[in-house]
C-alpha atoms as a PDB file:
ATOM      1  CA  MET A   1      -0.028  -0.028   0.060  1.00  0.00           C
ATOM      2  CA  SER A   2       1.289   3.433  -0.931  1.00  0.00           C
ATOM      3  CA  GLU A   3       1.619   6.320   1.527  1.00  0.00           C
ATOM      4  CA  LYS A   4      -0.957   8.046  -0.358  1.00  0.00           C
ATOM      5  CA  GLU A   5      -3.621   5.204   0.145  1.00  0.00           C
ATOM      6  CA  LYS A   6      -2.706   5.098   3.996  1.00  0.00           C
ATOM      7  CA  GLN A   7      -3.349   8.732   4.084  1.00  0.00           C
ATOM      8  CA  GLU A   8      -6.637   8.435   2.627  1.00  0.00           C
ATOM      9  CA  LEU A   9      -7.733   5.444   5.067  1.00  0.00           C
ATOM     10  CA  GLU A  10      -6.489   7.310   8.023  1.00  0.00           C
ATOM     11  CA  SER A  11      -8.300  10.642   7.115  1.00  0.00           C
ATOM     12  CA  THR A  12     -11.778   8.617   6.205  1.00  0.00           C
ATOM     13  CA  ALA A  13     -11.501   6.813   9.615  1.00  0.00           C
ATOM     14  CA  THR A  14     -10.921   9.860  11.597  1.00  0.00           C
ATOM     15  CA  GLU A  15     -13.685  11.976   9.684  1.00  0.00           C
ATOM     16  CA  PRO A  16     -17.197  12.019  11.106  1.00  0.00           C
ATOM     17  CA  ASN A  17     -19.715  10.917   8.308  1.00  0.00           C
ATOM     18  CA  LYS A  18     -20.887  13.722   6.775  1.00  0.00           C
ATOM     19  CA  GLN A  19     -24.724  14.054   6.672  1.00  0.00           C
ATOM     20  CA  PRO A  20     -26.689  16.976   6.069  1.00  0.00           C
ATOM     21  CA  ALA A  21     -28.183  18.403   9.491  1.00  0.00           C
ATOM     22  CA  LYS A  22     -31.919  18.460   9.750  1.00  0.00           C
ATOM     23  CA  THR A  23     -33.229  21.935  10.219  1.00  0.00           C
ATOM     24  CA  ASP A  24     -36.404  22.815  11.785  1.00  0.00           C
ATOM     25  CA  SER A  25     -37.577  24.669   8.670  1.00  0.00           C
ATOM     26  CA  ALA A  26     -37.681  21.523   7.033  1.00  0.00           C
ATOM     27  CA  LYS A  27     -39.818  19.935   9.699  1.00  0.00           C
ATOM     28  CA  LYS A  28     -42.254  23.080   9.354  1.00  0.00           C
ATOM     29  CA  SER A  29     -42.385  23.463   5.853  1.00  0.00           C
ATOM     30  CA  LYS A  30     -44.356  20.083   5.529  1.00  0.00           C
ATOM     31  CA  PRO A  31     -47.921  20.763   5.617  1.00  0.00           C
ATOM     32  CA  SER A  32     -50.252  19.078   7.880  1.00  0.00           C
ATOM     33  CA  GLU A  33     -52.800  16.972   6.236  1.00  0.00           C
ATOM     34  CA  LYS A  34     -56.413  16.476   7.625  1.00  0.00           C
ATOM     35  CA  LYS A  35     -57.723  13.283   7.157  1.00  0.00           C
ATOM     36  CA  THR A  36     -61.627  13.072   7.424  1.00  0.00           C
ATOM     37  CA  LYS A  37     -63.198   9.742   8.036  1.00  0.00           C
ATOM     38  CA  SER A  38     -66.528  10.483   6.292  1.00  0.00           C
ATOM     39  CA  GLY A  39     -67.305  11.312   2.939  1.00  0.00           C
ATOM     40  CA  GLY A  40     -65.018  11.586  -0.260  1.00  0.00           C
ATOM     41  CA  GLY A  41     -63.694   7.882   0.487  1.00  0.00           C
ATOM     42  CA  LEU A  42     -65.168   6.182  -2.613  1.00  0.00           C
ATOM     43  CA  SER A  43     -64.726   9.013  -4.909  1.00  0.00           C
ATOM     44  CA  ARG A  44     -61.346   9.448  -3.966  1.00  0.00           C
ATOM     45  CA  TYR A  45     -60.633   5.315  -4.605  1.00  0.00           C
ATOM     46  CA  LEU A  46     -62.093   5.853  -8.101  1.00  0.00           C
ATOM     47  CA  ARG A  47     -59.904   8.898  -8.812  1.00  0.00           C
ATOM     48  CA  GLU A  48     -56.888   6.974  -7.835  1.00  0.00           C
ATOM     49  CA  MET A  49     -57.892   3.973  -9.387  1.00  0.00           C
ATOM     50  CA  LYS A  50     -58.536   5.804 -12.624  1.00  0.00           C
ATOM     51  CA  SER A  51     -55.188   7.545 -12.387  1.00  0.00           C
ATOM     52  CA  GLU A  52     -53.290   4.186 -11.764  1.00  0.00           C
ATOM     53  CA  LEU A  53     -55.251   2.433 -14.718  1.00  0.00           C
ATOM     54  CA  LYS A  54     -53.687   5.122 -16.954  1.00  0.00           C
ATOM     55  CA  LYS A  55     -50.343   4.228 -15.952  1.00  0.00           C
ATOM     56  CA  VAL A  56     -50.692   0.665 -17.014  1.00  0.00           C
ATOM     57  CA  ALA A  57     -49.040  -0.573 -20.109  1.00  0.00           C
ATOM     58  CA  TRP A  58     -51.830  -2.233 -21.802  1.00  0.00           C
ATOM     59  CA  PRO A  59     -50.722  -5.172 -24.239  1.00  0.00           C
ATOM     60  CA  SER A  60     -51.986  -4.841 -28.123  1.00  0.00           C
ATOM     61  CA  LYS A  61     -54.942  -7.292 -29.375  1.00  0.00           C
ATOM     62  CA  LYS A  62     -52.140  -9.248 -31.256  1.00  0.00           C
ATOM     63  CA  GLN A  63     -50.321  -9.709 -27.953  1.00  0.00           C
ATOM     64  CA  THR A  64     -53.437 -10.352 -25.905  1.00  0.00           C
ATOM     65  CA  LEU A  65     -54.243 -13.658 -28.485  1.00  0.00           C
ATOM     66  CA  ASN A  66     -50.850 -14.619 -28.722  1.00  0.00           C
ATOM     67  CA  ASN A  67     -50.472 -14.945 -24.891  1.00  0.00           C
ATOM     68  CA  THR A  68     -54.052 -16.529 -24.652  1.00  0.00           C
ATOM     69  CA  GLY A  69     -53.259 -19.052 -27.194  1.00  0.00           C
ATOM     70  CA  THR A  70     -50.072 -19.871 -25.534  1.00  0.00           C
ATOM     71  CA  VAL A  71     -51.869 -20.555 -21.946  1.00  0.00           C
ATOM     72  CA  ILE A  72     -54.749 -22.606 -23.783  1.00  0.00           C
ATOM     73  CA  VAL A  73     -52.096 -24.732 -25.547  1.00  0.00           C
ATOM     74  CA  CYS A  74     -50.057 -25.181 -22.107  1.00  0.00           C
ATOM     75  CA  VAL A  75     -53.285 -26.100 -20.372  1.00  0.00           C
ATOM     76  CA  ILE A  76     -53.993 -28.607 -22.919  1.00  0.00           C
ATOM     77  CA  ILE A  77     -50.594 -30.349 -22.484  1.00  0.00           C
ATOM     78  CA  VAL A  78     -50.394 -30.472 -18.923  1.00  0.00           C
ATOM     79  CA  GLY A  79     -54.295 -31.838 -19.146  1.00  0.00           C
ATOM     80  CA  ILE A  80     -52.798 -34.597 -21.456  1.00  0.00           C
ATOM     81  CA  PHE A  81     -50.007 -35.279 -18.833  1.00  0.00           C
ATOM     82  CA  VAL A  82     -52.121 -35.618 -15.906  1.00  0.00           C
ATOM     83  CA  TRP A  83     -54.751 -37.774 -17.771  1.00  0.00           C
ATOM     84  CA  ILE A  84     -51.986 -40.157 -18.595  1.00  0.00           C
ATOM     85  CA  PHE A  85     -50.672 -40.344 -15.226  1.00  0.00           C
ATOM     86  CA  ASP A  86     -54.107 -40.883 -13.761  1.00  0.00           C
ATOM     87  CA  GLY A  87     -54.800 -43.909 -16.302  1.00  0.00           C
ATOM     88  CA  ILE A  88     -51.364 -45.321 -15.417  1.00  0.00           C
ATOM     89  CA  ALA A  89     -51.875 -44.787 -11.684  1.00  0.00           C
ATOM     90  CA  GLY A  90     -55.436 -46.154 -11.824  1.00  0.00           C
ATOM     91  CA  GLN A  91     -53.968 -49.120 -13.826  1.00  0.00           C
ATOM     92  CA  PHE A  92     -51.634 -49.785 -10.971  1.00  0.00           C
ATOM     93  CA  ILE A  93     -53.266 -49.530  -8.169  1.00  0.00           C
ATOM     94  CA  GLY A  94     -56.173 -51.947 -10.022  1.00  0.00           C
ATOM     95  CA  ALA A  95     -53.405 -54.403 -10.559  1.00  0.00           C
ATOM     96  CA  LEU A  96     -52.317 -54.237  -6.837  1.00  0.00           C
ATOM     97  CA  LEU A  97     -55.795 -54.864  -5.631  1.00  0.00           C
ATOM     98  CA  ASN A  98     -56.350 -57.729  -7.603  1.00  0.00           C
ATOM     99  CA  LEU A  99     -53.027 -59.173  -6.960  1.00  0.00           C
ATOM    100  CA  PHE A 100     -53.962 -58.895  -2.956  1.00  0.00           C
ATOM    101  CA  GLY A 101     -57.177 -60.377  -3.611  1.00  0.00           C
ATOM    102  CA  ARG A 102     -59.828 -57.637  -2.638  1.00  0.00           C
END
């Protein structure tokens, strides 16, 4: 380690953390909000919901159809696997029951 690096390490170790001091003016500049429990709840909710829905990146019709087709194909494939497994498991259990004389 060079002398310069040692000096930098020593100076950072001895200096206190430099954080901006909080002033009373920052606390006072924040306006107090009055919260009312009655009235305006539903209308406020609807306004905020409308605002949030404007921010949504809606897919195009082509993307929606493509994604829907992909989901349907995957559901059919998984359904076929479950159907096959169920048939094999049913045959296996039937063979076990016949083997042990039920």
